[in-house]
């Protein structure tokens, strides 16, 4: 992330990276938002100040890690492990809707977590 910011010309004097993970690996489709100093942005994933849900990169279901999955409300360690296990056993998901094939996933859960993933 830090390299991408440098390649883009660096931060403006008003940029505040305190709540941005500069070590985060870049993925295709990543949208990064750097708030201005003093700006408060709510992180929809955790309810804490930081990067907003709209600014936070949506996750790729075929590249997401167990740790990233557990940051999504409603996905705990067991469910995250089940998603990864299913993906490793059956190959990549064709769409986010394929999560309903993972044990314990229904349409209600899918609808709740859909906004966190790329379409």
PDB file of N, CA and C in Angstrom:
ATOM      1  N   UNK A   1       0.818  -1.175   0.000  1.00  0.00           N
ATOM      2  CA  UNK A   1       0.000   0.000   0.000  1.00  0.00           C
ATOM      3  C   UNK A   1       0.871   1.252   0.000  1.00  0.00           C
ATOM      4  N   UNK A   2       1.895   1.230   0.807  1.00  0.00           N
ATOM      5  CA  UNK A   2       2.765   2.391   0.908  1.00  0.00           C
ATOM      6  C   UNK A   2       3.435   2.683  -0.444  1.00  0.00           C
ATOM      7  N   UNK A   3       3.849   1.631  -1.153  1.00  0.00           N
ATOM      8  CA  UNK A   3       4.463   1.810  -2.470  1.00  0.00           C
ATOM      9  C   UNK A   3       3.465   2.407  -3.460  1.00  0.00           C
ATOM     10  N   UNK A   4       2.221   1.974  -3.388  1.00  0.00           N
ATOM     11  CA  UNK A   4       1.190   2.493  -4.291  1.00  0.00           C
ATOM     12  C   UNK A   4       0.965   3.980  -4.040  1.00  0.00           C
ATOM     13  N   UNK A   5       0.974   4.375  -2.779  1.00  0.00           N
ATOM     14  CA  UNK A   5       0.796   5.790  -2.450  1.00  0.00           C
ATOM     15  C   UNK A   5       1.953   6.603  -3.016  1.00  0.00           C
ATOM     16  N   UNK A   6       3.175   6.075  -2.886  1.00  0.00           N
ATOM     17  CA  UNK A   6       4.348   6.767  -3.442  1.00  0.00           C
ATOM     18  C   UNK A   6       4.235   6.887  -4.953  1.00  0.00           C
ATOM     19  N   UNK A   7       3.832   5.795  -5.624  1.00  0.00           N
ATOM     20  CA  UNK A   7       3.701   5.807  -7.093  1.00  0.00           C
ATOM     21  C   UNK A   7       2.619   6.765  -7.569  1.00  0.00           C
ATOM     22  N   UNK A   8       1.629   6.989  -6.710  1.00  0.00           N
ATOM     23  CA  UNK A   8       0.547   7.899  -7.059  1.00  0.00           C
ATOM     24  C   UNK A   8       0.922   9.356  -6.798  1.00  0.00           C
ATOM     25  N   UNK A   9       2.131   9.591  -6.332  1.00  0.00           N
ATOM     26  CA  UNK A   9       2.580  10.954  -6.091  1.00  0.00           C
ATOM     27  C   UNK A   9       2.657  11.317  -4.624  1.00  0.00           C
ATOM     28  N   UNK A  10       2.369  10.353  -3.751  1.00  0.00           N
ATOM     29  CA  UNK A  10       2.465  10.599  -2.318  1.00  0.00           C
ATOM     30  C   UNK A  10       1.216  11.232  -1.744  1.00  0.00           C
ATOM     31  N   UNK A  11       1.243  11.416  -0.451  1.00  0.00           N
ATOM     32  CA  UNK A  11       0.115  12.023   0.251  1.00  0.00           C
ATOM     33  C   UNK A  11       0.148  13.535   0.095  1.00  0.00           C
ATOM     34  N   UNK A  12      -1.010  14.141   0.168  1.00  0.00           N
ATOM     35  CA  UNK A  12      -1.060  15.591   0.246  1.00  0.00           C
ATOM     36  C   UNK A  12      -0.676  15.970   1.676  1.00  0.00           C
ATOM     37  N   UNK A  13      -0.395  17.213   1.936  1.00  0.00           N
ATOM     38  CA  UNK A  13      -0.063  17.612   3.303  1.00  0.00           C
ATOM     39  C   UNK A  13      -1.221  17.378   4.285  1.00  0.00           C
ATOM     40  N   UNK A  14      -2.413  17.170   3.750  1.00  0.00           N
ATOM     41  CA  UNK A  14      -3.592  16.992   4.598  1.00  0.00           C
ATOM     42  C   UNK A  14      -3.919  15.526   4.869  1.00  0.00           C
ATOM     43  N   UNK A  15      -3.232  14.589   4.214  1.00  0.00           N
ATOM     44  CA  UNK A  15      -3.528  13.161   4.360  1.00  0.00           C
ATOM     45  C   UNK A  15      -3.141  12.632   5.733  1.00  0.00           C
ATOM     46  N   UNK A  16      -4.000  11.771   6.292  1.00  0.00           N
ATOM     47  CA  UNK A  16      -3.775  11.194   7.610  1.00  0.00           C
ATOM     48  C   UNK A  16      -3.834   9.669   7.494  1.00  0.00           C
ATOM     49  N   UNK A  17      -2.682   9.011   7.620  1.00  0.00           N
ATOM     50  CA  UNK A  17      -2.615   7.559   7.443  1.00  0.00           C
ATOM     51  C   UNK A  17      -2.646   6.790   8.768  1.00  0.00           C
ATOM     52  N   UNK A  18      -2.972   7.447   9.853  1.00  0.00           N
ATOM     53  CA  UNK A  18      -2.968   6.751  11.152  1.00  0.00           C
ATOM     54  C   UNK A  18      -3.894   5.541  11.175  1.00  0.00           C
ATOM     55  N   UNK A  19      -4.995   5.590  10.452  1.00  0.00           N
ATOM     56  CA  UNK A  19      -5.960   4.486  10.453  1.00  0.00           C
ATOM     57  C   UNK A  19      -5.937   3.692   9.148  1.00  0.00           C
ATOM     58  N   UNK A  20      -4.842   3.788   8.415  1.00  0.00           N
ATOM     59  CA  UNK A  20      -4.696   3.061   7.156  1.00  0.00           C
ATOM     60  C   UNK A  20      -3.572   2.050   7.322  1.00  0.00           C
ATOM     61  N   UNK A  21      -3.824   0.821   6.953  1.00  0.00           N
ATOM     62  CA  UNK A  21      -2.810  -0.223   7.041  1.00  0.00           C
ATOM     63  C   UNK A  21      -1.886  -0.109   5.833  1.00  0.00           C
ATOM     64  N   UNK A  22      -0.764   0.554   6.006  1.00  0.00           N
ATOM     65  CA  UNK A  22       0.166   0.777   4.900  1.00  0.00           C
ATOM     66  C   UNK A  22       0.879  -0.504   4.472  1.00  0.00           C
ATOM     67  N   UNK A  23       0.811  -1.538   5.277  1.00  0.00           N
ATOM     68  CA  UNK A  23       1.439  -2.818   4.935  1.00  0.00           C
ATOM     69  C   UNK A  23       0.481  -3.749   4.192  1.00  0.00           C
ATOM     70  N   UNK A  24      -0.773  -3.334   4.036  1.00  0.00           N
ATOM     71  CA  UNK A  24      -1.771  -4.178   3.371  1.00  0.00           C
ATOM     72  C   UNK A  24      -1.355  -4.458   1.936  1.00  0.00           C
ATOM     73  N   UNK A  25      -1.500  -5.720   1.519  1.00  0.00           N
ATOM     74  CA  UNK A  25      -1.209  -6.087   0.138  1.00  0.00           C
ATOM     75  C   UNK A  25      -2.306  -5.552  -0.758  1.00  0.00           C
ATOM     76  N   UNK A  26      -1.919  -5.099  -1.922  1.00  0.00           N
ATOM     77  CA  UNK A  26      -2.888  -4.590  -2.881  1.00  0.00           C
ATOM     78  C   UNK A  26      -3.525  -5.742  -3.642  1.00  0.00           C
ATOM     79  N   UNK A  27      -4.805  -5.601  -3.935  1.00  0.00           N
ATOM     80  CA  UNK A  27      -5.513  -6.566  -4.752  1.00  0.00           C
ATOM     81  C   UNK A  27      -6.242  -5.814  -5.843  1.00  0.00           C
ATOM     82  N   UNK A  28      -6.559  -6.514  -6.914  1.00  0.00           N
ATOM     83  CA  UNK A  28      -7.265  -5.912  -8.028  1.00  0.00           C
ATOM     84  C   UNK A  28      -8.603  -5.365  -7.539  1.00  0.00           C
ATOM     85  N   UNK A  29      -8.925  -4.162  -7.925  1.00  0.00           N
ATOM     86  CA  UNK A  29     -10.182  -3.553  -7.541  1.00  0.00           C
ATOM     87  C   UNK A  29     -10.151  -2.831  -6.206  1.00  0.00           C
ATOM     88  N   UNK A  30      -9.004  -2.794  -5.547  1.00  0.00           N
ATOM     89  CA  UNK A  30      -8.882  -2.137  -4.252  1.00  0.00           C
ATOM     90  C   UNK A  30      -9.127  -0.648  -4.396  1.00  0.00           C
ATOM     91  N   UNK A  31      -9.967  -0.108  -3.529  1.00  0.00           N
ATOM     92  CA  UNK A  31     -10.191   1.326  -3.493  1.00  0.00           C
ATOM     93  C   UNK A  31      -9.708   1.814  -2.139  1.00  0.00           C
ATOM     94  N   UNK A  32      -8.774   2.722  -2.145  1.00  0.00           N
ATOM     95  CA  UNK A  32      -8.192   3.223  -0.913  1.00  0.00           C
ATOM     96  C   UNK A  32      -8.640   4.657  -0.686  1.00  0.00           C
ATOM     97  N   UNK A  33      -9.041   4.930   0.535  1.00  0.00           N
ATOM     98  CA  UNK A  33      -9.420   6.280   0.911  1.00  0.00           C
ATOM     99  C   UNK A  33      -8.536   6.715   2.060  1.00  0.00           C
ATOM    100  N   UNK A  34      -7.823   7.810   1.874  1.00  0.00           N
ATOM    101  CA  UNK A  34      -6.991   8.384   2.935  1.00  0.00           C
ATOM    102  C   UNK A  34      -7.740   9.613   3.451  1.00  0.00           C
ATOM    103  N   UNK A  35      -8.173   9.578   4.710  1.00  0.00           N
ATOM    104  CA  UNK A  35      -8.905  10.732   5.245  1.00  0.00           C
ATOM    105  C   UNK A  35      -7.984  11.932   5.463  1.00  0.00           C
ATOM    106  N   UNK A  36      -8.599  13.091   5.544  1.00  0.00           N
ATOM    107  CA  UNK A  36      -7.858  14.309   5.870  1.00  0.00           C
ATOM    108  C   UNK A  36      -7.570  14.307   7.361  1.00  0.00           C
ATOM    109  N   UNK A  37      -6.528  15.003   7.753  1.00  0.00           N
ATOM    110  CA  UNK A  37      -6.218  15.140   9.180  1.00  0.00           C
ATOM    111  C   UNK A  37      -7.423  15.735   9.884  1.00  0.00           C
ATOM    112  N   UNK A  38      -7.800  15.094  10.994  1.00  0.00           N
ATOM    113  CA  UNK A  38      -8.933  15.566  11.773  1.00  0.00           C
ATOM    114  C   UNK A  38     -10.274  15.017  11.311  1.00  0.00           C
ATOM    115  N   UNK A  39     -10.309  14.373  10.152  1.00  0.00           N
ATOM    116  CA  UNK A  39     -11.561  13.810   9.643  1.00  0.00           C
ATOM    117  C   UNK A  39     -11.866  12.506  10.380  1.00  0.00           C
ATOM    118  N   UNK A  40     -13.111  12.346  10.764  1.00  0.00           N
ATOM    119  CA  UNK A  40     -13.538  11.110  11.411  1.00  0.00           C
ATOM    120  C   UNK A  40     -14.354  10.308  10.426  1.00  0.00           C
ATOM    121  N   UNK A  41     -13.940   9.074  10.209  1.00  0.00           N
ATOM    122  CA  UNK A  41     -14.637   8.179   9.302  1.00  0.00           C
ATOM    123  C   UNK A  41     -14.951   6.914  10.079  1.00  0.00           C
ATOM    124  N   UNK A  42     -16.169   6.414   9.965  1.00  0.00           N
ATOM    125  CA  UNK A  42     -16.561   5.219  10.705  1.00  0.00           C
ATOM    126  C   UNK A  42     -16.246   3.976   9.896  1.00  0.00           C
ATOM    127  N   UNK A  43     -15.653   3.007  10.549  1.00  0.00           N
ATOM    128  CA  UNK A  43     -15.355   1.719   9.920  1.00  0.00           C
ATOM    129  C   UNK A  43     -16.558   0.815  10.126  1.00  0.00           C
ATOM    130  N   UNK A  44     -17.276   0.522   9.048  1.00  0.00           N
ATOM    131  CA  UNK A  44     -18.488  -0.285   9.142  1.00  0.00           C
ATOM    132  C   UNK A  44     -18.196  -1.724   9.549  1.00  0.00           C
ATOM    133  N   UNK A  45     -16.969  -2.191   9.325  1.00  0.00           N
ATOM    134  CA  UNK A  45     -16.648  -3.565   9.684  1.00  0.00           C
ATOM    135  C   UNK A  45     -16.537  -3.738  11.197  1.00  0.00           C
ATOM    136  N   UNK A  46     -15.975  -2.744  11.859  1.00  0.00           N
ATOM    137  CA  UNK A  46     -15.746  -2.937  13.288  1.00  0.00           C
ATOM    138  C   UNK A  46     -16.502  -1.950  14.166  1.00  0.00           C
ATOM    139  N   UNK A  47     -17.081  -0.909  13.567  1.00  0.00           N
ATOM    140  CA  UNK A  47     -17.772   0.088  14.362  1.00  0.00           C
ATOM    141  C   UNK A  47     -16.823   1.098  14.983  1.00  0.00           C
ATOM    142  N   UNK A  48     -15.545   1.041  14.651  1.00  0.00           N
ATOM    143  CA  UNK A  48     -14.554   1.962  15.182  1.00  0.00           C
ATOM    144  C   UNK A  48     -14.201   3.005  14.131  1.00  0.00           C
ATOM    145  N   UNK A  49     -13.600   4.091  14.590  1.00  0.00           N
ATOM    146  CA  UNK A  49     -13.129   5.088  13.648  1.00  0.00           C
ATOM    147  C   UNK A  49     -12.046   4.475  12.787  1.00  0.00           C
ATOM    148  N   UNK A  50     -11.972   4.904  11.560  1.00  0.00           N
ATOM    149  CA  UNK A  50     -10.978   4.370  10.637  1.00  0.00           C
ATOM    150  C   UNK A  50     -11.467   4.541   9.226  1.00  0.00           C
ATOM    151  N   UNK A  51     -11.280   3.560   8.422  1.00  0.00           N
ATOM    152  CA  UNK A  51     -11.670   3.629   7.023  1.00  0.00           C
ATOM    153  C   UNK A  51     -13.116   3.174   6.897  1.00  0.00           C
ATOM    154  N   UNK A  52     -13.910   3.892   6.131  1.00  0.00           N
ATOM    155  CA  UNK A  52     -15.323   3.554   6.002  1.00  0.00           C
ATOM    156  C   UNK A  52     -15.514   2.307   5.160  1.00  0.00           C
ATOM    157  N   UNK A  53     -16.703   1.695   5.258  1.00  0.00           N
ATOM    158  CA  UNK A  53     -17.017   0.502   4.470  1.00  0.00           C
ATOM    159  C   UNK A  53     -16.914   0.810   2.983  1.00  0.00           C
ATOM    160  N   UNK A  54     -17.400   1.984   2.577  1.00  0.00           N
ATOM    161  CA  UNK A  54     -17.345   2.340   1.167  1.00  0.00           C
ATOM    162  C   UNK A  54     -15.914   2.518   0.697  1.00  0.00           C
ATOM    163  N   UNK A  55     -15.061   2.988   1.583  1.00  0.00           N
ATOM    164  CA  UNK A  55     -13.680   3.223   1.206  1.00  0.00           C
ATOM    165  C   UNK A  55     -12.844   1.960   1.355  1.00  0.00           C
ATOM    166  N   UNK A  56     -13.255   1.079   2.227  1.00  0.00           N
ATOM    167  CA  UNK A  56     -12.506  -0.149   2.457  1.00  0.00           C
ATOM    168  C   UNK A  56     -12.682  -1.049   1.248  1.00  0.00           C
ATOM    169  N   UNK A  57     -11.631  -1.691   0.853  1.00  0.00           N
ATOM    170  CA  UNK A  57     -11.694  -2.576  -0.296  1.00  0.00           C
ATOM    171  C   UNK A  57     -12.654  -3.711  -0.024  1.00  0.00           C
ATOM    172  N   UNK A  58     -13.459  -4.021  -1.023  1.00  0.00           N
ATOM    173  CA  UNK A  58     -14.312  -5.192  -0.903  1.00  0.00           C
ATOM    174  C   UNK A  58     -13.434  -6.410  -1.104  1.00  0.00           C
ATOM    175  N   UNK A  59     -13.808  -7.479  -0.474  1.00  0.00           N
ATOM    176  CA  UNK A  59     -13.000  -8.691  -0.465  1.00  0.00           C
ATOM    177  C   UNK A  59     -13.312  -9.593  -1.650  1.00  0.00           C
ATOM    178  N   UNK A  60     -12.305 -10.271  -2.138  1.00  0.00           N
ATOM    179  CA  UNK A  60     -12.458 -11.281  -3.178  1.00  0.00           C
ATOM    180  C   UNK A  60     -12.621 -12.617  -2.465  1.00  0.00           C
ATOM    181  N   UNK A  61     -13.748 -13.271  -2.649  1.00  0.00           N
ATOM    182  CA  UNK A  61     -14.035 -14.511  -1.936  1.00  0.00           C
ATOM    183  C   UNK A  61     -12.999 -15.595  -2.233  1.00  0.00           C
ATOM    184  N   UNK A  62     -12.307 -15.498  -3.349  1.00  0.00           N
ATOM    185  CA  UNK A  62     -11.308 -16.502  -3.699  1.00  0.00           C
ATOM    186  C   UNK A  62      -9.907 -16.154  -3.227  1.00  0.00           C
ATOM    187  N   UNK A  63      -9.734 -14.996  -2.595  1.00  0.00           N
ATOM    188  CA  UNK A  63      -8.422 -14.608  -2.091  1.00  0.00           C
ATOM    189  C   UNK A  63      -8.444 -14.223  -0.619  1.00  0.00           C
ATOM    190  N   UNK A  64      -9.622 -14.104  -0.051  1.00  0.00           N
ATOM    191  CA  UNK A  64      -9.757 -13.657   1.326  1.00  0.00           C
ATOM    192  C   UNK A  64      -9.143 -14.669   2.298  1.00  0.00           C
ATOM    193  N   UNK A  65      -8.546 -14.159   3.354  1.00  0.00           N
ATOM    194  CA  UNK A  65      -7.924 -15.010   4.372  1.00  0.00           C
ATOM    195  C   UNK A  65      -8.900 -15.266   5.517  1.00  0.00           C
ATOM    196  N   UNK A  66      -8.571 -16.235   6.357  1.00  0.00           N
ATOM    197  CA  UNK A  66      -9.376 -16.538   7.541  1.00  0.00           C
ATOM    198  C   UNK A  66      -9.493 -15.292   8.417  1.00  0.00           C
ATOM    199  N   UNK A  67      -8.403 -14.590   8.598  1.00  0.00           N
ATOM    200  CA  UNK A  67      -8.399 -13.387   9.445  1.00  0.00           C
ATOM    201  C   UNK A  67      -9.331 -12.328   8.883  1.00  0.00           C
ATOM    202  N   UNK A  68      -9.263 -12.078   7.576  1.00  0.00           N
ATOM    203  CA  UNK A  68     -10.142 -11.078   6.956  1.00  0.00           C
ATOM    204  C   UNK A  68     -11.601 -11.488   7.076  1.00  0.00           C
ATOM    205  N   UNK A  69     -11.883 -12.770   6.888  1.00  0.00           N
ATOM    206  CA  UNK A  69     -13.263 -13.243   7.013  1.00  0.00           C
ATOM    207  C   UNK A  69     -13.812 -12.982   8.412  1.00  0.00           C
ATOM    208  N   UNK A  70     -12.982 -13.171   9.422  1.00  0.00           N
ATOM    209  CA  UNK A  70     -13.442 -13.004  10.799  1.00  0.00           C
ATOM    210  C   UNK A  70     -13.723 -11.548  11.159  1.00  0.00           C
ATOM    211  N   UNK A  71     -13.302 -10.616  10.325  1.00  0.00           N
ATOM    212  CA  UNK A  71     -13.599  -9.203  10.562  1.00  0.00           C
ATOM    213  C   UNK A  71     -15.018  -8.850  10.126  1.00  0.00           C
ATOM    214  N   UNK A  72     -15.660  -9.743   9.396  1.00  0.00           N
ATOM    215  CA  UNK A  72     -17.012  -9.501   8.907  1.00  0.00           C
ATOM    216  C   UNK A  72     -18.010  -9.938   9.978  1.00  0.00           C
ATOM    217  N   UNK A  73     -18.943  -9.056  10.330  1.00  0.00           N
ATOM    218  CA  UNK A  73     -19.941  -9.428  11.338  1.00  0.00           C
ATOM    219  C   UNK A  73     -20.689 -10.697  10.925  1.00  0.00           C
ATOM    220  N   UNK A  74     -20.788 -11.647  11.855  1.00  0.00           N
ATOM    221  CA  UNK A  74     -21.494 -12.888  11.576  1.00  0.00           C
ATOM    222  C   UNK A  74     -20.599 -14.032  11.133  1.00  0.00           C
ATOM    223  N   UNK A  75     -19.309 -13.747  10.911  1.00  0.00           N
ATOM    224  CA  UNK A  75     -18.380 -14.813  10.532  1.00  0.00           C
ATOM    225  C   UNK A  75     -17.335 -14.950  11.631  1.00  0.00           C
ATOM    226  N   UNK A  76     -17.412 -16.063  12.330  1.00  0.00           N
ATOM    227  CA  UNK A  76     -16.454 -16.360  13.383  1.00  0.00           C
ATOM    228  C   UNK A  76     -15.392 -17.318  12.881  1.00  0.00           C
ATOM    229  N   UNK A  77     -14.544 -17.797  13.774  1.00  0.00           N
ATOM    230  CA  UNK A  77     -13.448 -18.683  13.382  1.00  0.00           C
ATOM    231  C   UNK A  77     -13.909 -19.955  12.653  1.00  0.00           C
ATOM    232  N   UNK A  78     -14.970 -20.597  13.140  1.00  0.00           N
ATOM    233  CA  UNK A  78     -15.447 -21.851  12.533  1.00  0.00           C
ATOM    234  C   UNK A  78     -15.973 -21.613  11.120  1.00  0.00           C
ATOM    235  N   UNK A  79     -16.817 -20.609  10.973  1.00  0.00           N
ATOM    236  CA  UNK A  79     -17.408 -20.314   9.657  1.00  0.00           C
ATOM    237  C   UNK A  79     -16.322 -19.876   8.672  1.00  0.00           C
ATOM    238  N   UNK A  80     -15.360 -19.083   9.123  1.00  0.00           N
ATOM    239  CA  UNK A  80     -14.257 -18.650   8.252  1.00  0.00           C
ATOM    240  C   UNK A  80     -13.447 -19.865   7.794  1.00  0.00           C
ATOM    241  N   UNK A  81     -13.154 -20.766   8.727  1.00  0.00           N
ATOM    242  CA  UNK A  81     -12.402 -21.976   8.382  1.00  0.00           C
ATOM    243  C   UNK A  81     -13.188 -22.844   7.398  1.00  0.00           C
ATOM    244  N   UNK A  82     -14.509 -22.912   7.576  1.00  0.00           N
ATOM    245  CA  UNK A  82     -15.350 -23.695   6.664  1.00  0.00           C
ATOM    246  C   UNK A  82     -15.308 -23.127   5.242  1.00  0.00           C
ATOM    247  N   UNK A  83     -15.304 -21.805   5.119  1.00  0.00           N
ATOM    248  CA  UNK A  83     -15.245 -21.170   3.794  1.00  0.00           C
ATOM    249  C   UNK A  83     -13.926 -21.509   3.111  1.00  0.00           C
ATOM    250  N   UNK A  84     -12.832 -21.346   3.844  1.00  0.00           N
ATOM    251  CA  UNK A  84     -11.510 -21.626   3.278  1.00  0.00           C
ATOM    252  C   UNK A  84     -11.394 -23.096   2.911  1.00  0.00           C
ATOM    253  N   UNK A  85     -11.851 -23.973   3.777  1.00  0.00           N
ATOM    254  CA  UNK A  85     -11.790 -25.415   3.531  1.00  0.00           C
ATOM    255  C   UNK A  85     -12.593 -25.786   2.282  1.00  0.00           C
ATOM    256  N   UNK A  86     -13.788 -25.222   2.158  1.00  0.00           N
ATOM    257  CA  UNK A  86     -14.627 -25.496   0.990  1.00  0.00           C
ATOM    258  C   UNK A  86     -13.919 -25.041  -0.285  1.00  0.00           C
ATOM    259  N   UNK A  87     -13.329 -23.848  -0.226  1.00  0.00           N
ATOM    260  CA  UNK A  87     -12.627 -23.295  -1.389  1.00  0.00           C
ATOM    261  C   UNK A  87     -11.437 -24.166  -1.771  1.00  0.00           C
ATOM    262  N   UNK A  88     -10.684 -24.627  -0.788  1.00  0.00           N
ATOM    263  CA  UNK A  88      -9.510 -25.463  -1.066  1.00  0.00           C
ATOM    264  C   UNK A  88      -9.907 -26.836  -1.611  1.00  0.00           C
ATOM    265  N   UNK A  89     -11.026 -27.361  -1.150  1.00  0.00           N
ATOM    266  CA  UNK A  89     -11.487 -28.682  -1.581  1.00  0.00           C
ATOM    267  C   UNK A  89     -12.175 -28.637  -2.951  1.00  0.00           C
ATOM    268  N   UNK A  90     -12.984 -27.605  -3.190  1.00  0.00           N
ATOM    269  CA  UNK A  90     -13.829 -27.549  -4.385  1.00  0.00           C
ATOM    270  C   UNK A  90     -13.358 -26.576  -5.454  1.00  0.00           C
ATOM    271  N   UNK A  91     -12.298 -25.845  -5.181  1.00  0.00           N
ATOM    272  CA  UNK A  91     -11.821 -24.854  -6.145  1.00  0.00           C
ATOM    273  C   UNK A  91     -12.490 -23.515  -5.921  1.00  0.00           C
ATOM    274  N   UNK A  92     -12.145 -22.549  -6.765  1.00  0.00           N
ATOM    275  CA  UNK A  92     -12.639 -21.183  -6.584  1.00  0.00           C
ATOM    276  C   UNK A  92     -14.168 -21.090  -6.659  1.00  0.00           C
ATOM    277  N   UNK A  93     -14.701 -20.144  -5.913  1.00  0.00           N
ATOM    278  CA  UNK A  93     -16.128 -19.845  -5.994  1.00  0.00           C
ATOM    279  C   UNK A  93     -16.378 -19.128  -7.316  1.00  0.00           C
ATOM    280  N   UNK A  94     -17.462 -19.450  -7.990  1.00  0.00           N
ATOM    281  CA  UNK A  94     -17.816 -18.763  -9.242  1.00  0.00           C
ATOM    282  C   UNK A  94     -18.457 -17.413  -8.943  1.00  0.00           C
ATOM    283  N   UNK A  95     -19.144 -17.347  -7.813  1.00  0.00           N
ATOM    284  CA  UNK A  95     -19.745 -16.090  -7.369  1.00  0.00           C
ATOM    285  C   UNK A  95     -19.950 -16.167  -5.855  1.00  0.00           C
ATOM    286  N   UNK A  96     -20.265 -15.054  -5.265  1.00  0.00           N
ATOM    287  CA  UNK A  96     -20.498 -14.993  -3.826  1.00  0.00           C
ATOM    288  C   UNK A  96     -21.688 -15.871  -3.445  1.00  0.00           C
ATOM    289  N   UNK A  97     -22.613 -16.076  -4.374  1.00  0.00           N
ATOM    290  CA  UNK A  97     -23.783 -16.919  -4.114  1.00  0.00           C
ATOM    291  C   UNK A  97     -23.402 -18.364  -3.823  1.00  0.00           C
ATOM    292  N   UNK A  98     -22.242 -18.797  -4.285  1.00  0.00           N
ATOM    293  CA  UNK A  98     -21.784 -20.161  -4.030  1.00  0.00           C
ATOM    294  C   UNK A  98     -21.535 -20.432  -2.548  1.00  0.00           C
ATOM    295  N   UNK A  99     -21.483 -19.383  -1.730  1.00  0.00           N
ATOM    296  CA  UNK A  99     -21.299 -19.589  -0.293  1.00  0.00           C
ATOM    297  C   UNK A  99     -22.431 -20.408   0.306  1.00  0.00           C
ATOM    298  N   UNK A 100     -23.584 -20.425  -0.354  1.00  0.00           N
ATOM    299  CA  UNK A 100     -24.702 -21.212   0.174  1.00  0.00           C
ATOM    300  C   UNK A 100     -24.401 -22.712   0.110  1.00  0.00           C
ATOM    301  N   UNK A 101     -23.368 -23.098  -0.616  1.00  0.00           N
ATOM    302  CA  UNK A 101     -22.962 -24.501  -0.671  1.00  0.00           C
ATOM    303  C   UNK A 101     -22.103 -24.888   0.539  1.00  0.00           C
ATOM    304  N   UNK A 102     -21.605 -23.895   1.265  1.00  0.00           N
ATOM    305  CA  UNK A 102     -20.805 -24.145   2.467  1.00  0.00           C
ATOM    306  C   UNK A 102     -21.753 -24.490   3.607  1.00  0.00           C
ATOM    307  N   UNK A 103     -21.438 -25.534   4.336  1.00  0.00           N
ATOM    308  CA  UNK A 103     -22.276 -25.984   5.441  1.00  0.00           C
ATOM    309  C   UNK A 103     -22.559 -24.828   6.409  1.00  0.00           C
ATOM    310  N   UNK A 104     -23.837 -24.656   6.735  1.00  0.00           N
ATOM    311  CA  UNK A 104     -24.223 -23.627   7.691  1.00  0.00           C
ATOM    312  C   UNK A 104     -24.534 -22.279   7.072  1.00  0.00           C
ATOM    313  N   UNK A 105     -24.368 -22.129   5.765  1.00  0.00           N
ATOM    314  CA  UNK A 105     -24.656 -20.862   5.107  1.00  0.00           C
ATOM    315  C   UNK A 105     -26.016 -20.920   4.441  1.00  0.00           C
ATOM    316  N   UNK A 106     -26.874 -19.979   4.789  1.00  0.00           N
ATOM    317  CA  UNK A 106     -28.174 -19.866   4.149  1.00  0.00           C
ATOM    318  C   UNK A 106     -28.286 -18.525   3.458  1.00  0.00           C
ATOM    319  N   UNK A 107     -29.405 -18.291   2.839  1.00  0.00           N
ATOM    320  CA  UNK A 107     -29.627 -17.041   2.113  1.00  0.00           C
ATOM    321  C   UNK A 107     -29.594 -15.827   3.034  1.00  0.00           C
ATOM    322  N   UNK A 108     -30.096 -15.982   4.257  1.00  0.00           N
ATOM    323  CA  UNK A 108     -30.113 -14.861   5.204  1.00  0.00           C
ATOM    324  C   UNK A 108     -28.682 -14.411   5.536  1.00  0.00           C
ATOM    325  N   UNK A 109     -27.810 -15.368   5.822  1.00  0.00           N
ATOM    326  CA  UNK A 109     -26.415 -15.045   6.123  1.00  0.00           C
ATOM    327  C   UNK A 109     -25.736 -14.438   4.903  1.00  0.00           C
ATOM    328  N   UNK A 110     -25.993 -15.019   3.748  1.00  0.00           N
ATOM    329  CA  UNK A 110     -25.398 -14.516   2.507  1.00  0.00           C
ATOM    330  C   UNK A 110     -25.777 -13.055   2.275  1.00  0.00           C
ATOM    331  N   UNK A 111     -27.037 -12.721   2.452  1.00  0.00           N
ATOM    332  CA  UNK A 111     -27.490 -11.343   2.248  1.00  0.00           C
ATOM    333  C   UNK A 111     -26.814 -10.380   3.220  1.00  0.00           C
ATOM    334  N   UNK A 112     -26.564 -10.860   4.434  1.00  0.00           N
ATOM    335  CA  UNK A 112     -25.954 -10.016   5.457  1.00  0.00           C
ATOM    336  C   UNK A 112     -24.488  -9.705   5.131  1.00  0.00           C
ATOM    337  N   UNK A 113     -23.774 -10.672   4.562  1.00  0.00           N
ATOM    338  CA  UNK A 113     -22.346 -10.466   4.317  1.00  0.00           C
ATOM    339  C   UNK A 113     -22.029 -10.037   2.884  1.00  0.00           C
ATOM    340  N   UNK A 114     -22.998 -10.102   1.980  1.00  0.00           N
ATOM    341  CA  UNK A 114     -22.785  -9.747   0.571  1.00  0.00           C
ATOM    342  C   UNK A 114     -22.086  -8.392   0.365  1.00  0.00           C
ATOM    343  N   UNK A 115     -22.446  -7.338   1.123  1.00  0.00           N
ATOM    344  CA  UNK A 115     -21.843  -6.024   0.880  1.00  0.00           C
ATOM    345  C   UNK A 115     -20.327  -5.978   1.091  1.00  0.00           C
ATOM    346  N   UNK A 116     -19.770  -6.965   1.773  1.00  0.00           N
ATOM    347  CA  UNK A 116     -18.343  -6.961   2.062  1.00  0.00           C
ATOM    348  C   UNK A 116     -17.502  -7.588   0.950  1.00  0.00           C
ATOM    349  N   UNK A 117     -18.170  -8.135  -0.059  1.00  0.00           N
ATOM    350  CA  UNK A 117     -17.462  -8.861  -1.113  1.00  0.00           C
ATOM    351  C   UNK A 117     -17.673  -8.231  -2.475  1.00  0.00           C
ATOM    352  N   UNK A 118     -16.674  -8.447  -3.341  1.00  0.00           N
ATOM    353  CA  UNK A 118     -16.826  -8.059  -4.737  1.00  0.00           C
ATOM    354  C   UNK A 118     -17.964  -8.859  -5.331  1.00  0.00           C
ATOM    355  N   UNK A 119     -18.664  -8.285  -6.297  1.00  0.00           N
ATOM    356  CA  UNK A 119     -19.781  -9.026  -6.887  1.00  0.00           C
ATOM    357  C   UNK A 119     -19.336 -10.125  -7.803  1.00  0.00           C
TER     358      UNK A 119
END
